[in-house]
Amino acid sequence: MQTAEFVELLAVPSAQAKNPLFDIIVEDKINIQNYCNALIAKILELKQSQFPAFIDYQFNQVKNPEIWICKLEKLLANNEAFFSSKTAMSRYNKLYF
């Protein structure tokens, strides 16, 4: 999986999650690859109706939401082929609406 250069890697182990539904969970060392993998996994795990609340939650966690959302868009674009199934492509497209 390709990464995007996120400035802030706000992830926690599951034992420290304050909001397990929306926290980005990384059990191993928090680095760019593990963070991006966990973020993609989180997007695939969430229901489409939860995307706005997830984005809002992440915006409240980071110092610069505009940079974070740009990096998320880059991450999704870099891994567009990963969303090749109809269900995954639908999720990918709905993130942009």
PDB file of N, CA and C in Angstrom:
ATOM      1  N   MET A   1       0.840  -1.173   0.000  1.00  0.00           N
ATOM      2  CA  MET A   1       0.000   0.000   0.000  1.00  0.00           C
ATOM      3  C   MET A   1       0.891   1.244   0.000  1.00  0.00           C
ATOM      4  N   GLN A   2       0.522   2.188  -0.840  1.00  0.00           N
ATOM      5  CA  GLN A   2       1.267   3.443  -0.894  1.00  0.00           C
ATOM      6  C   GLN A   2       0.833   4.352   0.243  1.00  0.00           C
ATOM      7  N   THR A   3       1.694   5.272   0.584  1.00  0.00           N
ATOM      8  CA  THR A   3       1.407   6.190   1.690  1.00  0.00           C
ATOM      9  C   THR A   3       1.200   7.607   1.160  1.00  0.00           C
ATOM     10  N   ALA A   4       0.855   8.494   2.056  1.00  0.00           N
ATOM     11  CA  ALA A   4       0.840   9.937   1.821  1.00  0.00           C
ATOM     12  C   ALA A   4       1.593  10.538   3.004  1.00  0.00           C
ATOM     13  N   GLU A   5       2.203  11.660   2.803  1.00  0.00           N
ATOM     14  CA  GLU A   5       3.051  12.261   3.839  1.00  0.00           C
ATOM     15  C   GLU A   5       2.253  13.070   4.847  1.00  0.00           C
ATOM     16  N   PHE A   6       1.558  12.359   5.731  1.00  0.00           N
ATOM     17  CA  PHE A   6       0.826  13.035   6.799  1.00  0.00           C
ATOM     18  C   PHE A   6       1.815  13.722   7.729  1.00  0.00           C
ATOM     19  N   VAL A   7       1.472  14.936   8.157  1.00  0.00           N
ATOM     20  CA  VAL A   7       2.313  15.696   9.063  1.00  0.00           C
ATOM     21  C   VAL A   7       2.123  15.199  10.493  1.00  0.00           C
ATOM     22  N   GLU A   8       0.881  14.886  10.845  1.00  0.00           N
ATOM     23  CA  GLU A   8       0.561  14.383  12.183  1.00  0.00           C
ATOM     24  C   GLU A   8       0.096  12.933  12.065  1.00  0.00           C
ATOM     25  N   LEU A   9       0.656  12.074  12.891  1.00  0.00           N
ATOM     26  CA  LEU A   9       0.274  10.665  12.910  1.00  0.00           C
ATOM     27  C   LEU A   9      -0.444  10.390  14.228  1.00  0.00           C
ATOM     28  N   LEU A  10      -1.693  10.785  14.288  1.00  0.00           N
ATOM     29  CA  LEU A  10      -2.459  10.630  15.521  1.00  0.00           C
ATOM     30  C   LEU A  10      -3.151   9.274  15.523  1.00  0.00           C
ATOM     31  N   ALA A  11      -2.480   8.329  16.133  1.00  0.00           N
ATOM     32  CA  ALA A  11      -2.991   6.973  16.250  1.00  0.00           C
ATOM     33  C   ALA A  11      -2.686   6.471  17.651  1.00  0.00           C
ATOM     34  N   VAL A  12      -3.449   5.483  18.084  1.00  0.00           N
ATOM     35  CA  VAL A  12      -3.275   4.931  19.425  1.00  0.00           C
ATOM     36  C   VAL A  12      -3.425   3.413  19.369  1.00  0.00           C
ATOM     37  N   PRO A  13      -2.837   2.712  20.344  1.00  0.00           N
ATOM     38  CA  PRO A  13      -3.147   1.288  20.479  1.00  0.00           C
ATOM     39  C   PRO A  13      -4.604   1.145  20.934  1.00  0.00           C
ATOM     40  N   SER A  14      -5.221   0.029  20.628  1.00  0.00           N
ATOM     41  CA  SER A  14      -6.647  -0.139  20.953  1.00  0.00           C
ATOM     42  C   SER A  14      -6.923   0.041  22.446  1.00  0.00           C
ATOM     43  N   ALA A  15      -5.988  -0.334  23.303  1.00  0.00           N
ATOM     44  CA  ALA A  15      -6.188  -0.201  24.752  1.00  0.00           C
ATOM     45  C   ALA A  15      -6.291   1.262  25.180  1.00  0.00           C
ATOM     46  N   GLN A  16      -5.753   2.178  24.388  1.00  0.00           N
ATOM     47  CA  GLN A  16      -5.775   3.603  24.739  1.00  0.00           C
ATOM     48  C   GLN A  16      -6.810   4.398  23.953  1.00  0.00           C
ATOM     49  N   ALA A  17      -7.595   3.719  23.140  1.00  0.00           N
ATOM     50  CA  ALA A  17      -8.581   4.416  22.307  1.00  0.00           C
ATOM     51  C   ALA A  17      -9.662   5.051  23.164  1.00  0.00           C
ATOM     52  N   LYS A  18      -9.906   6.334  22.941  1.00  0.00           N
ATOM     53  CA  LYS A  18     -10.988   7.040  23.618  1.00  0.00           C
ATOM     54  C   LYS A  18     -12.300   6.835  22.863  1.00  0.00           C
ATOM     55  N   ASN A  19     -12.185   6.706  21.548  1.00  0.00           N
ATOM     56  CA  ASN A  19     -13.341   6.474  20.691  1.00  0.00           C
ATOM     57  C   ASN A  19     -12.958   5.372  19.705  1.00  0.00           C
ATOM     58  N   PRO A  20     -13.116   4.109  20.084  1.00  0.00           N
ATOM     59  CA  PRO A  20     -12.670   2.994  19.241  1.00  0.00           C
ATOM     60  C   PRO A  20     -13.269   3.002  17.835  1.00  0.00           C
ATOM     61  N   LEU A  21     -14.449   3.579  17.678  1.00  0.00           N
ATOM     62  CA  LEU A  21     -15.066   3.616  16.357  1.00  0.00           C
ATOM     63  C   LEU A  21     -14.305   4.542  15.413  1.00  0.00           C
ATOM     64  N   PHE A  22     -13.831   5.679  15.932  1.00  0.00           N
ATOM     65  CA  PHE A  22     -13.209   6.684  15.067  1.00  0.00           C
ATOM     66  C   PHE A  22     -11.717   6.870  15.274  1.00  0.00           C
ATOM     67  N   ASP A  23     -11.152   6.378  16.370  1.00  0.00           N
ATOM     68  CA  ASP A  23      -9.704   6.484  16.551  1.00  0.00           C
ATOM     69  C   ASP A  23      -8.993   5.602  15.525  1.00  0.00           C
ATOM     70  N   ILE A  24      -7.847   6.062  15.086  1.00  0.00           N
ATOM     71  CA  ILE A  24      -7.017   5.268  14.183  1.00  0.00           C
ATOM     72  C   ILE A  24      -6.129   4.402  15.072  1.00  0.00           C
ATOM     73  N   ILE A  25      -6.312   3.098  14.945  1.00  0.00           N
ATOM     74  CA  ILE A  25      -5.661   2.137  15.828  1.00  0.00           C
ATOM     75  C   ILE A  25      -4.412   1.574  15.165  1.00  0.00           C
ATOM     76  N   VAL A  26      -3.282   1.720  15.844  1.00  0.00           N
ATOM     77  CA  VAL A  26      -2.014   1.129  15.404  1.00  0.00           C
ATOM     78  C   VAL A  26      -1.412   0.428  16.612  1.00  0.00           C
ATOM     79  N   GLU A  27      -1.302  -0.864  16.521  1.00  0.00           N
ATOM     80  CA  GLU A  27      -0.760  -1.642  17.639  1.00  0.00           C
ATOM     81  C   GLU A  27       0.770  -1.667  17.628  1.00  0.00           C
ATOM     82  N   ASP A  28       1.351  -1.586  16.444  1.00  0.00           N
ATOM     83  CA  ASP A  28       2.809  -1.602  16.323  1.00  0.00           C
ATOM     84  C   ASP A  28       3.351  -0.182  16.451  1.00  0.00           C
ATOM     85  N   LYS A  29       4.591  -0.017  16.092  1.00  0.00           N
ATOM     86  CA  LYS A  29       5.205   1.316  16.090  1.00  0.00           C
ATOM     87  C   LYS A  29       4.417   2.232  15.154  1.00  0.00           C
ATOM     88  N   ILE A  30       4.158   3.454  15.606  1.00  0.00           N
ATOM     89  CA  ILE A  30       3.429   4.407  14.774  1.00  0.00           C
ATOM     90  C   ILE A  30       4.418   5.061  13.818  1.00  0.00           C
ATOM     91  N   ASN A  31       4.305   4.677  12.562  1.00  0.00           N
ATOM     92  CA  ASN A  31       5.102   5.278  11.499  1.00  0.00           C
ATOM     93  C   ASN A  31       4.163   5.540  10.322  1.00  0.00           C
ATOM     94  N   ILE A  32       4.664   6.152   9.287  1.00  0.00           N
ATOM     95  CA  ILE A  32       3.811   6.567   8.174  1.00  0.00           C
ATOM     96  C   ILE A  32       3.123   5.378   7.519  1.00  0.00           C
ATOM     97  N   GLN A  33       3.830   4.266   7.337  1.00  0.00           N
ATOM     98  CA  GLN A  33       3.232   3.099   6.690  1.00  0.00           C
ATOM     99  C   GLN A  33       2.123   2.493   7.549  1.00  0.00           C
ATOM    100  N   ASN A  34       2.379   2.300   8.832  1.00  0.00           N
ATOM    101  CA  ASN A  34       1.375   1.720   9.722  1.00  0.00           C
ATOM    102  C   ASN A  34       0.167   2.642   9.875  1.00  0.00           C
ATOM    103  N   TYR A  35       0.420   3.940   9.931  1.00  0.00           N
ATOM    104  CA  TYR A  35      -0.671   4.905  10.044  1.00  0.00           C
ATOM    105  C   TYR A  35      -1.559   4.862   8.799  1.00  0.00           C
ATOM    106  N   CYS A  36      -0.955   4.889   7.629  1.00  0.00           N
ATOM    107  CA  CYS A  36      -1.727   4.867   6.385  1.00  0.00           C
ATOM    108  C   CYS A  36      -2.494   3.554   6.241  1.00  0.00           C
ATOM    109  N   ASN A  37      -1.861   2.442   6.586  1.00  0.00           N
ATOM    110  CA  ASN A  37      -2.548   1.148   6.537  1.00  0.00           C
ATOM    111  C   ASN A  37      -3.764   1.155   7.463  1.00  0.00           C
ATOM    112  N   ALA A  38      -3.591   1.671   8.674  1.00  0.00           N
ATOM    113  CA  ALA A  38      -4.682   1.705   9.647  1.00  0.00           C
ATOM    114  C   ALA A  38      -5.793   2.654   9.200  1.00  0.00           C
ATOM    115  N   LEU A  39      -5.427   3.751   8.569  1.00  0.00           N
ATOM    116  CA  LEU A  39      -6.417   4.712   8.096  1.00  0.00           C
ATOM    117  C   LEU A  39      -7.268   4.110   6.973  1.00  0.00           C
ATOM    118  N   ILE A  40      -6.627   3.438   6.036  1.00  0.00           N
ATOM    119  CA  ILE A  40      -7.374   2.752   4.957  1.00  0.00           C
ATOM    120  C   ILE A  40      -8.273   1.677   5.562  1.00  0.00           C
ATOM    121  N   ALA A  41      -7.742   0.903   6.501  1.00  0.00           N
ATOM    122  CA  ALA A  41      -8.544  -0.146   7.145  1.00  0.00           C
ATOM    123  C   ALA A  41      -9.755   0.466   7.852  1.00  0.00           C
ATOM    124  N   LYS A  42      -9.557   1.599   8.507  1.00  0.00           N
ATOM    125  CA  LYS A  42     -10.660   2.269   9.209  1.00  0.00           C
ATOM    126  C   LYS A  42     -11.731   2.711   8.218  1.00  0.00           C
ATOM    127  N   ILE A  43     -11.329   3.263   7.097  1.00  0.00           N
ATOM    128  CA  ILE A  43     -12.280   3.715   6.082  1.00  0.00           C
ATOM    129  C   ILE A  43     -13.089   2.532   5.550  1.00  0.00           C
ATOM    130  N   LEU A  44     -12.438   1.403   5.351  1.00  0.00           N
ATOM    131  CA  LEU A  44     -13.139   0.222   4.854  1.00  0.00           C
ATOM    132  C   LEU A  44     -14.068  -0.380   5.906  1.00  0.00           C
ATOM    133  N   GLU A  45     -13.748  -0.171   7.164  1.00  0.00           N
ATOM    134  CA  GLU A  45     -14.537  -0.746   8.262  1.00  0.00           C
ATOM    135  C   GLU A  45     -15.784   0.084   8.588  1.00  0.00           C
ATOM    136  N   LEU A  46     -15.712   1.396   8.375  1.00  0.00           N
ATOM    137  CA  LEU A  46     -16.831   2.273   8.722  1.00  0.00           C
ATOM    138  C   LEU A  46     -17.985   2.134   7.736  1.00  0.00           C
ATOM    139  N   LYS A  47     -19.184   2.367   8.239  1.00  0.00           N
ATOM    140  CA  LYS A  47     -20.350   2.480   7.370  1.00  0.00           C
ATOM    141  C   LYS A  47     -20.268   3.827   6.676  1.00  0.00           C
ATOM    142  N   GLN A  48     -20.812   3.892   5.487  1.00  0.00           N
ATOM    143  CA  GLN A  48     -20.760   5.147   4.738  1.00  0.00           C
ATOM    144  C   GLN A  48     -21.423   6.293   5.497  1.00  0.00           C
ATOM    145  N   SER A  49     -22.449   5.994   6.238  1.00  0.00           N
ATOM    146  CA  SER A  49     -23.140   7.045   7.003  1.00  0.00           C
ATOM    147  C   SER A  49     -22.270   7.588   8.133  1.00  0.00           C
ATOM    148  N   GLN A  50     -21.196   6.880   8.480  1.00  0.00           N
ATOM    149  CA  GLN A  50     -20.305   7.316   9.555  1.00  0.00           C
ATOM    150  C   GLN A  50     -19.153   8.191   9.067  1.00  0.00           C
ATOM    151  N   PHE A  51     -18.960   8.287   7.755  1.00  0.00           N
ATOM    152  CA  PHE A  51     -17.837   9.064   7.223  1.00  0.00           C
ATOM    153  C   PHE A  51     -17.824  10.517   7.689  1.00  0.00           C
ATOM    154  N   PRO A  52     -18.943  11.244   7.608  1.00  0.00           N
ATOM    155  CA  PRO A  52     -18.894  12.646   8.058  1.00  0.00           C
ATOM    156  C   PRO A  52     -18.479  12.784   9.525  1.00  0.00           C
ATOM    157  N   ALA A  53     -19.000  11.920  10.386  1.00  0.00           N
ATOM    158  CA  ALA A  53     -18.634  11.986  11.808  1.00  0.00           C
ATOM    159  C   ALA A  53     -17.172  11.608  12.006  1.00  0.00           C
ATOM    160  N   PHE A  54     -16.676  10.659  11.233  1.00  0.00           N
ATOM    161  CA  PHE A  54     -15.273  10.264  11.312  1.00  0.00           C
ATOM    162  C   PHE A  54     -14.364  11.426  10.907  1.00  0.00           C
ATOM    163  N   ILE A  55     -14.689  12.057   9.797  1.00  0.00           N
ATOM    164  CA  ILE A  55     -13.890  13.198   9.322  1.00  0.00           C
ATOM    165  C   ILE A  55     -13.928  14.322  10.358  1.00  0.00           C
ATOM    166  N   ASP A  56     -15.096  14.607  10.893  1.00  0.00           N
ATOM    167  CA  ASP A  56     -15.237  15.639  11.924  1.00  0.00           C
ATOM    168  C   ASP A  56     -14.405  15.289  13.153  1.00  0.00           C
ATOM    169  N   TYR A  57     -14.456  14.034  13.571  1.00  0.00           N
ATOM    170  CA  TYR A  57     -13.678  13.591  14.732  1.00  0.00           C
ATOM    171  C   TYR A  57     -12.187  13.789  14.478  1.00  0.00           C
ATOM    172  N   GLN A  58     -11.716  13.384  13.312  1.00  0.00           N
ATOM    173  CA  GLN A  58     -10.295  13.536  12.987  1.00  0.00           C
ATOM    174  C   GLN A  58      -9.913  15.015  12.928  1.00  0.00           C
ATOM    175  N   PHE A  59     -10.789  15.846  12.369  1.00  0.00           N
ATOM    176  CA  PHE A  59     -10.530  17.292  12.315  1.00  0.00           C
ATOM    177  C   PHE A  59     -10.313  17.862  13.710  1.00  0.00           C
ATOM    178  N   ASN A  60     -11.042  17.352  14.678  1.00  0.00           N
ATOM    179  CA  ASN A  60     -10.904  17.839  16.049  1.00  0.00           C
ATOM    180  C   ASN A  60      -9.665  17.298  16.744  1.00  0.00           C
ATOM    181  N   GLN A  61      -9.017  16.302  16.168  1.00  0.00           N
ATOM    182  CA  GLN A  61      -7.822  15.709  16.761  1.00  0.00           C
ATOM    183  C   GLN A  61      -6.534  16.366  16.263  1.00  0.00           C
ATOM    184  N   VAL A  62      -6.538  16.806  15.024  1.00  0.00           N
ATOM    185  CA  VAL A  62      -5.309  17.322  14.421  1.00  0.00           C
ATOM    186  C   VAL A  62      -5.215  18.838  14.563  1.00  0.00           C
ATOM    187  N   LYS A  63      -3.995  19.341  14.457  1.00  0.00           N
ATOM    188  CA  LYS A  63      -3.775  20.785  14.579  1.00  0.00           C
ATOM    189  C   LYS A  63      -4.187  21.530  13.317  1.00  0.00           C
ATOM    190  N   ASN A  64      -4.003  20.890  12.153  1.00  0.00           N
ATOM    191  CA  ASN A  64      -4.332  21.550  10.896  1.00  0.00           C
ATOM    192  C   ASN A  64      -5.211  20.630  10.048  1.00  0.00           C
ATOM    193  N   PRO A  65      -6.535  20.738  10.204  1.00  0.00           N
ATOM    194  CA  PRO A  65      -7.449  19.850   9.476  1.00  0.00           C
ATOM    195  C   PRO A  65      -7.326  19.940   7.954  1.00  0.00           C
ATOM    196  N   GLU A  66      -7.018  21.127   7.442  1.00  0.00           N
ATOM    197  CA  GLU A  66      -6.910  21.288   5.992  1.00  0.00           C
ATOM    198  C   GLU A  66      -5.773  20.443   5.424  1.00  0.00           C
ATOM    199  N   ILE A  67      -4.655  20.425   6.117  1.00  0.00           N
ATOM    200  CA  ILE A  67      -3.533  19.597   5.660  1.00  0.00           C
ATOM    201  C   ILE A  67      -3.890  18.118   5.779  1.00  0.00           C
ATOM    202  N   TRP A  68      -4.540  17.745   6.891  1.00  0.00           N
ATOM    203  CA  TRP A  68      -4.902  16.342   7.090  1.00  0.00           C
ATOM    204  C   TRP A  68      -5.827  15.842   5.982  1.00  0.00           C
ATOM    205  N   ILE A  69      -6.851  16.635   5.622  1.00  0.00           N
ATOM    206  CA  ILE A  69      -7.796  16.192   4.599  1.00  0.00           C
ATOM    207  C   ILE A  69      -7.125  16.120   3.232  1.00  0.00           C
ATOM    208  N   CYS A  70      -6.199  17.024   2.962  1.00  0.00           N
ATOM    209  CA  CYS A  70      -5.454  16.958   1.693  1.00  0.00           C
ATOM    210  C   CYS A  70      -4.611  15.682   1.635  1.00  0.00           C
ATOM    211  N   LYS A  71      -4.003  15.323   2.756  1.00  0.00           N
ATOM    212  CA  LYS A  71      -3.193  14.097   2.799  1.00  0.00           C
ATOM    213  C   LYS A  71      -4.084  12.857   2.682  1.00  0.00           C
ATOM    214  N   LEU A  72      -5.279  12.914   3.267  1.00  0.00           N
ATOM    215  CA  LEU A  72      -6.216  11.801   3.124  1.00  0.00           C
ATOM    216  C   LEU A  72      -6.609  11.628   1.658  1.00  0.00           C
ATOM    217  N   GLU A  73      -6.900  12.722   0.983  1.00  0.00           N
ATOM    218  CA  GLU A  73      -7.234  12.655  -0.439  1.00  0.00           C
ATOM    219  C   GLU A  73      -6.075  12.072  -1.241  1.00  0.00           C
ATOM    220  N   LYS A  74      -4.857  12.480  -0.905  1.00  0.00           N
ATOM    221  CA  LYS A  74      -3.669  11.946  -1.588  1.00  0.00           C
ATOM    222  C   LYS A  74      -3.524  10.452  -1.323  1.00  0.00           C
ATOM    223  N   LEU A  75      -3.747  10.035  -0.079  1.00  0.00           N
ATOM    224  CA  LEU A  75      -3.660   8.616   0.274  1.00  0.00           C
ATOM    225  C   LEU A  75      -4.672   7.807  -0.528  1.00  0.00           C
ATOM    226  N   LEU A  76      -5.889   8.298  -0.617  1.00  0.00           N
ATOM    227  CA  LEU A  76      -6.921   7.589  -1.374  1.00  0.00           C
ATOM    228  C   LEU A  76      -6.571   7.540  -2.861  1.00  0.00           C
ATOM    229  N   ALA A  77      -6.094   8.645  -3.396  1.00  0.00           N
ATOM    230  CA  ALA A  77      -5.706   8.670  -4.812  1.00  0.00           C
ATOM    231  C   ALA A  77      -4.540   7.716  -5.085  1.00  0.00           C
ATOM    232  N   ASN A  78      -3.575   7.682  -4.179  1.00  0.00           N
ATOM    233  CA  ASN A  78      -2.414   6.800  -4.345  1.00  0.00           C
ATOM    234  C   ASN A  78      -2.804   5.328  -4.324  1.00  0.00           C
ATOM    235  N   ASN A  79      -3.931   5.026  -3.693  1.00  0.00           N
ATOM    236  CA  ASN A  79      -4.355   3.639  -3.522  1.00  0.00           C
ATOM    237  C   ASN A  79      -5.692   3.361  -4.189  1.00  0.00           C
ATOM    238  N   GLU A  80      -6.000   4.121  -5.212  1.00  0.00           N
ATOM    239  CA  GLU A  80      -7.290   3.975  -5.895  1.00  0.00           C
ATOM    240  C   GLU A  80      -7.514   2.549  -6.385  1.00  0.00           C
ATOM    241  N   ALA A  81      -6.484   1.893  -6.847  1.00  0.00           N
ATOM    242  CA  ALA A  81      -6.613   0.516  -7.333  1.00  0.00           C
ATOM    243  C   ALA A  81      -7.053  -0.431  -6.223  1.00  0.00           C
ATOM    244  N   PHE A  82      -6.732  -0.091  -4.987  1.00  0.00           N
ATOM    245  CA  PHE A  82      -7.119  -0.908  -3.835  1.00  0.00           C
ATOM    246  C   PHE A  82      -8.638  -0.950  -3.681  1.00  0.00           C
ATOM    247  N   PHE A  83      -9.316   0.078  -4.191  1.00  0.00           N
ATOM    248  CA  PHE A  83     -10.766   0.189  -4.083  1.00  0.00           C
ATOM    249  C   PHE A  83     -11.439  -0.317  -5.361  1.00  0.00           C
ATOM    250  N   SER A  84     -10.985  -1.446  -5.859  1.00  0.00           N
ATOM    251  CA  SER A  84     -11.461  -1.922  -7.156  1.00  0.00           C
ATOM    252  C   SER A  84     -12.790  -2.675  -7.099  1.00  0.00           C
ATOM    253  N   SER A  85     -13.147  -3.260  -5.961  1.00  0.00           N
ATOM    254  CA  SER A  85     -14.435  -3.950  -5.877  1.00  0.00           C
ATOM    255  C   SER A  85     -15.554  -2.919  -5.889  1.00  0.00           C
ATOM    256  N   LYS A  86     -16.747  -3.325  -6.275  1.00  0.00           N
ATOM    257  CA  LYS A  86     -17.876  -2.386  -6.352  1.00  0.00           C
ATOM    258  C   LYS A  86     -18.169  -1.753  -4.997  1.00  0.00           C
ATOM    259  N   THR A  87     -18.128  -2.547  -3.947  1.00  0.00           N
ATOM    260  CA  THR A  87     -18.405  -2.020  -2.606  1.00  0.00           C
ATOM    261  C   THR A  87     -17.340  -1.019  -2.198  1.00  0.00           C
ATOM    262  N   ALA A  88     -16.082  -1.373  -2.379  1.00  0.00           N
ATOM    263  CA  ALA A  88     -14.989  -0.472  -2.000  1.00  0.00           C
ATOM    264  C   ALA A  88     -15.007   0.791  -2.857  1.00  0.00           C
ATOM    265  N   MET A  89     -15.301   0.660  -4.162  1.00  0.00           N
ATOM    266  CA  MET A  89     -15.346   1.830  -5.036  1.00  0.00           C
ATOM    267  C   MET A  89     -16.484   2.756  -4.613  1.00  0.00           C
ATOM    268  N   SER A  90     -17.585   2.190  -4.200  1.00  0.00           N
ATOM    269  CA  SER A  90     -18.701   2.994  -3.721  1.00  0.00           C
ATOM    270  C   SER A  90     -18.285   3.791  -2.485  1.00  0.00           C
ATOM    271  N   ARG A  91     -17.574   3.144  -1.566  1.00  0.00           N
ATOM    272  CA  ARG A  91     -17.084   3.837  -0.363  1.00  0.00           C
ATOM    273  C   ARG A  91     -16.123   4.956  -0.762  1.00  0.00           C
ATOM    274  N   TYR A  92     -15.221   4.664  -1.680  1.00  0.00           N
ATOM    275  CA  TYR A  92     -14.234   5.629  -2.149  1.00  0.00           C
ATOM    276  C   TYR A  92     -14.943   6.859  -2.717  1.00  0.00           C
ATOM    277  N   ASN A  93     -15.929   6.616  -3.579  1.00  0.00           N
ATOM    278  CA  ASN A  93     -16.643   7.726  -4.211  1.00  0.00           C
ATOM    279  C   ASN A  93     -17.442   8.538  -3.194  1.00  0.00           C
ATOM    280  N   LYS A  94     -18.043   7.892  -2.229  1.00  0.00           N
ATOM    281  CA  LYS A  94     -18.872   8.603  -1.254  1.00  0.00           C
ATOM    282  C   LYS A  94     -18.054   9.451  -0.300  1.00  0.00           C
ATOM    283  N   LEU A  95     -16.778   9.163  -0.156  1.00  0.00           N
ATOM    284  CA  LEU A  95     -15.927  10.032   0.658  1.00  0.00           C
ATOM    285  C   LEU A  95     -15.808  11.423   0.040  1.00  0.00           C
ATOM    286  N   TYR A  96     -16.004  11.499  -1.261  1.00  0.00           N
ATOM    287  CA  TYR A  96     -15.850  12.773  -1.963  1.00  0.00           C
ATOM    288  C   TYR A  96     -17.146  13.550  -2.098  1.00  0.00           C
ATOM    289  N   PHE A  97     -18.268  12.967  -1.676  1.00  0.00           N
ATOM    290  CA  PHE A  97     -19.559  13.675  -1.780  1.00  0.00           C
ATOM    291  C   PHE A  97     -20.054  14.133  -0.451  1.00  0.00           C
TER     292      PHE A  97
END
